[in-house]
C-alpha atoms as a PDB file:
ATOM      1  CA  MET A   1      49.456 216.848  55.662  1.00  0.00           C
ATOM      2  CA  ALA A   2      49.505 212.898  54.222  1.00  0.00           C
ATOM      3  CA  GLU A   3      48.007 212.552  50.945  1.00  0.00           C
ATOM      4  CA  ALA A   4      44.701 210.311  51.297  1.00  0.00           C
ATOM      5  CA  HIS A   5      44.765 206.792  49.589  1.00  0.00           C
ATOM      6  CA  ALA A   6      42.068 205.767  47.460  1.00  0.00           C
ATOM      7  CA  ILE A   7      40.592 202.648  48.194  1.00  0.00           C
ATOM      8  CA  ALA A   8      41.234 199.645  46.108  1.00  0.00           C
ATOM      9  CA  ILE A   9      39.494 196.513  45.790  1.00  0.00           C
ATOM     10  CA  TYR A  10      40.657 193.201  44.987  1.00  0.00           C
ATOM     11  CA  GLY A  11      39.571 189.782  44.143  1.00  0.00           C
ATOM     12  CA  TYR A  12      41.970 186.623  44.840  1.00  0.00           C
ATOM     13  CA  ILE A  13      40.737 183.100  43.117  1.00  0.00           C
ATOM     14  CA  ARG A  14      42.507 179.931  43.661  1.00  0.00           C
ATOM     15  CA  VAL A  15      42.256 176.150  42.591  1.00  0.00           C
ATOM     16  CA  SER A  16      43.789 173.318  44.203  1.00  0.00           C
ATOM     17  CA  ASP A  17      44.910 171.684  40.804  1.00  0.00           C
ATOM     18  CA  GLU A  18      44.603 171.634  37.047  1.00  0.00           C
ATOM     19  CA  SER A  19      41.433 169.790  36.920  1.00  0.00           C
ATOM     20  CA  GLN A  20      39.815 172.230  38.802  1.00  0.00           C
ATOM     21  CA  ALA A  21      41.119 175.090  36.887  1.00  0.00           C
ATOM     22  CA  THR A  22      39.320 174.195  33.817  1.00  0.00           C
ATOM     23  CA  SER A  23      36.217 172.739  35.407  1.00  0.00           C
ATOM     24  CA  GLY A  24      32.841 174.564  36.049  1.00  0.00           C
ATOM     25  CA  LEU A  25      34.008 175.442  39.732  1.00  0.00           C
ATOM     26  CA  GLY A  26      37.519 176.567  38.579  1.00  0.00           C
ATOM     27  CA  LEU A  27      38.824 179.927  37.960  1.00  0.00           C
ATOM     28  CA  ALA A  28      36.329 181.479  35.424  1.00  0.00           C
ATOM     29  CA  ALA A  29      33.492 180.551  37.724  1.00  0.00           C
ATOM     30  CA  GLN A  30      35.221 182.156  40.655  1.00  0.00           C
ATOM     31  CA  LYS A  31      36.031 185.207  38.759  1.00  0.00           C
ATOM     32  CA  ARG A  32      32.454 185.670  37.472  1.00  0.00           C
ATOM     33  CA  ARG A  33      31.153 185.432  41.040  1.00  0.00           C
ATOM     34  CA  ILE A  34      33.729 187.961  42.101  1.00  0.00           C
ATOM     35  CA  LYS A  35      32.689 190.418  39.571  1.00  0.00           C
ATOM     36  CA  GLU A  36      29.130 189.782  40.191  1.00  0.00           C
ATOM     37  CA  ALA A  37      29.684 190.657  43.983  1.00  0.00           C
ATOM     38  CA  ALA A  38      31.443 193.743  42.939  1.00  0.00           C
ATOM     39  CA  GLN A  39      29.020 195.062  40.656  1.00  0.00           C
ATOM     40  CA  ARG A  40      26.319 194.030  43.718  1.00  0.00           C
ATOM     41  CA  ILE A  41      28.519 195.623  46.612  1.00  0.00           C
ATOM     42  CA  CYS A  42      30.234 198.747  45.303  1.00  0.00           C
ATOM     43  CA  GLY A  43      29.010 199.460  41.366  1.00  0.00           C
ATOM     44  CA  GLY A  44      31.449 197.089  39.877  1.00  0.00           C
ATOM     45  CA  LYS A  45      34.754 198.636  40.923  1.00  0.00           C
ATOM     46  CA  LEU A  46      37.193 195.987  41.018  1.00  0.00           C
ATOM     47  CA  ASP A  47      40.807 196.941  40.775  1.00  0.00           C
ATOM     48  CA  ARG A  48      42.437 193.401  40.094  1.00  0.00           C
ATOM     49  CA  ILE A  49      41.675 189.820  40.381  1.00  0.00           C
ATOM     50  CA  LEU A  50      44.664 187.658  41.189  1.00  0.00           C
ATOM     51  CA  ALA A  51      44.572 184.122  40.602  1.00  0.00           C
ATOM     52  CA  ASP A  52      46.720 181.114  41.872  1.00  0.00           C
ATOM     53  CA  LYS A  53      46.369 178.194  39.724  1.00  0.00           C
ATOM     54  CA  ALA A  54      46.854 174.461  40.943  1.00  0.00           C
ATOM     55  CA  VAL A  55      47.939 175.349  44.616  1.00  0.00           C
ATOM     56  CA  SER A  56      46.740 173.655  47.516  1.00  0.00           C
ATOM     57  CA  ALA A  57      45.611 175.853  50.428  1.00  0.00           C
ATOM     58  CA  ARG A  58      46.364 173.136  52.700  1.00  0.00           C
ATOM     59  CA  ARG A  59      50.206 172.878  51.585  1.00  0.00           C
ATOM     60  CA  LYS A  60      50.672 176.363  50.969  1.00  0.00           C
ATOM     61  CA  PRO A  61      49.705 179.346  53.142  1.00  0.00           C
ATOM     62  CA  LEU A  62      48.518 182.344  51.426  1.00  0.00           C
ATOM     63  CA  LEU A  63      51.959 184.197  51.729  1.00  0.00           C
ATOM     64  CA  GLU A  64      53.935 181.656  50.215  1.00  0.00           C
ATOM     65  CA  ARG A  65      51.590 181.643  46.932  1.00  0.00           C
ATOM     66  CA  THR A  66      52.703 183.707  44.079  1.00  0.00           C
ATOM     67  CA  GLN A  67      49.639 185.774  43.759  1.00  0.00           C
ATOM     68  CA  GLY A  68      48.442 185.729  47.652  1.00  0.00           C
ATOM     69  CA  ALA A  69      52.058 187.138  48.290  1.00  0.00           C
ATOM     70  CA  GLU A  70      51.496 189.822  45.433  1.00  0.00           C
ATOM     71  CA  LEU A  71      48.007 190.757  47.056  1.00  0.00           C
ATOM     72  CA  ASP A  72      49.607 191.231  50.587  1.00  0.00           C
ATOM     73  CA  ARG A  73      52.146 193.524  48.596  1.00  0.00           C
ATOM     74  CA  LEU A  74      49.402 195.362  47.029  1.00  0.00           C
ATOM     75  CA  LEU A  75      46.957 195.909  50.042  1.00  0.00           C
ATOM     76  CA  SER A  76      47.255 199.168  52.122  1.00  0.00           C
ATOM     77  CA  LYS A  77      44.879 199.971  54.943  1.00  0.00           C
ATOM     78  CA  GLY A  78      41.192 200.621  53.922  1.00  0.00           C
ATOM     79  CA  ASP A  79      41.602 198.437  50.913  1.00  0.00           C
ATOM     80  CA  HIS A  80      38.880 195.567  50.554  1.00  0.00           C
END
């Protein structure tokens, strides 16, 4: 019998440019909101937050971004 996979929960954050990375709408604010959502939804269980800084979503699809590709590599069926 196959061993059961423990469900993992990941967050992904991104900003388009360096000025957004340091603004009040930047990575720190996104990270805080993800942690708040994890607390509300799943009691705070959050395995990892991945962040791409100064990467345009319009010019670079998720799987071509460093941390977007890493997120795709980490995900298994059932993860969130």
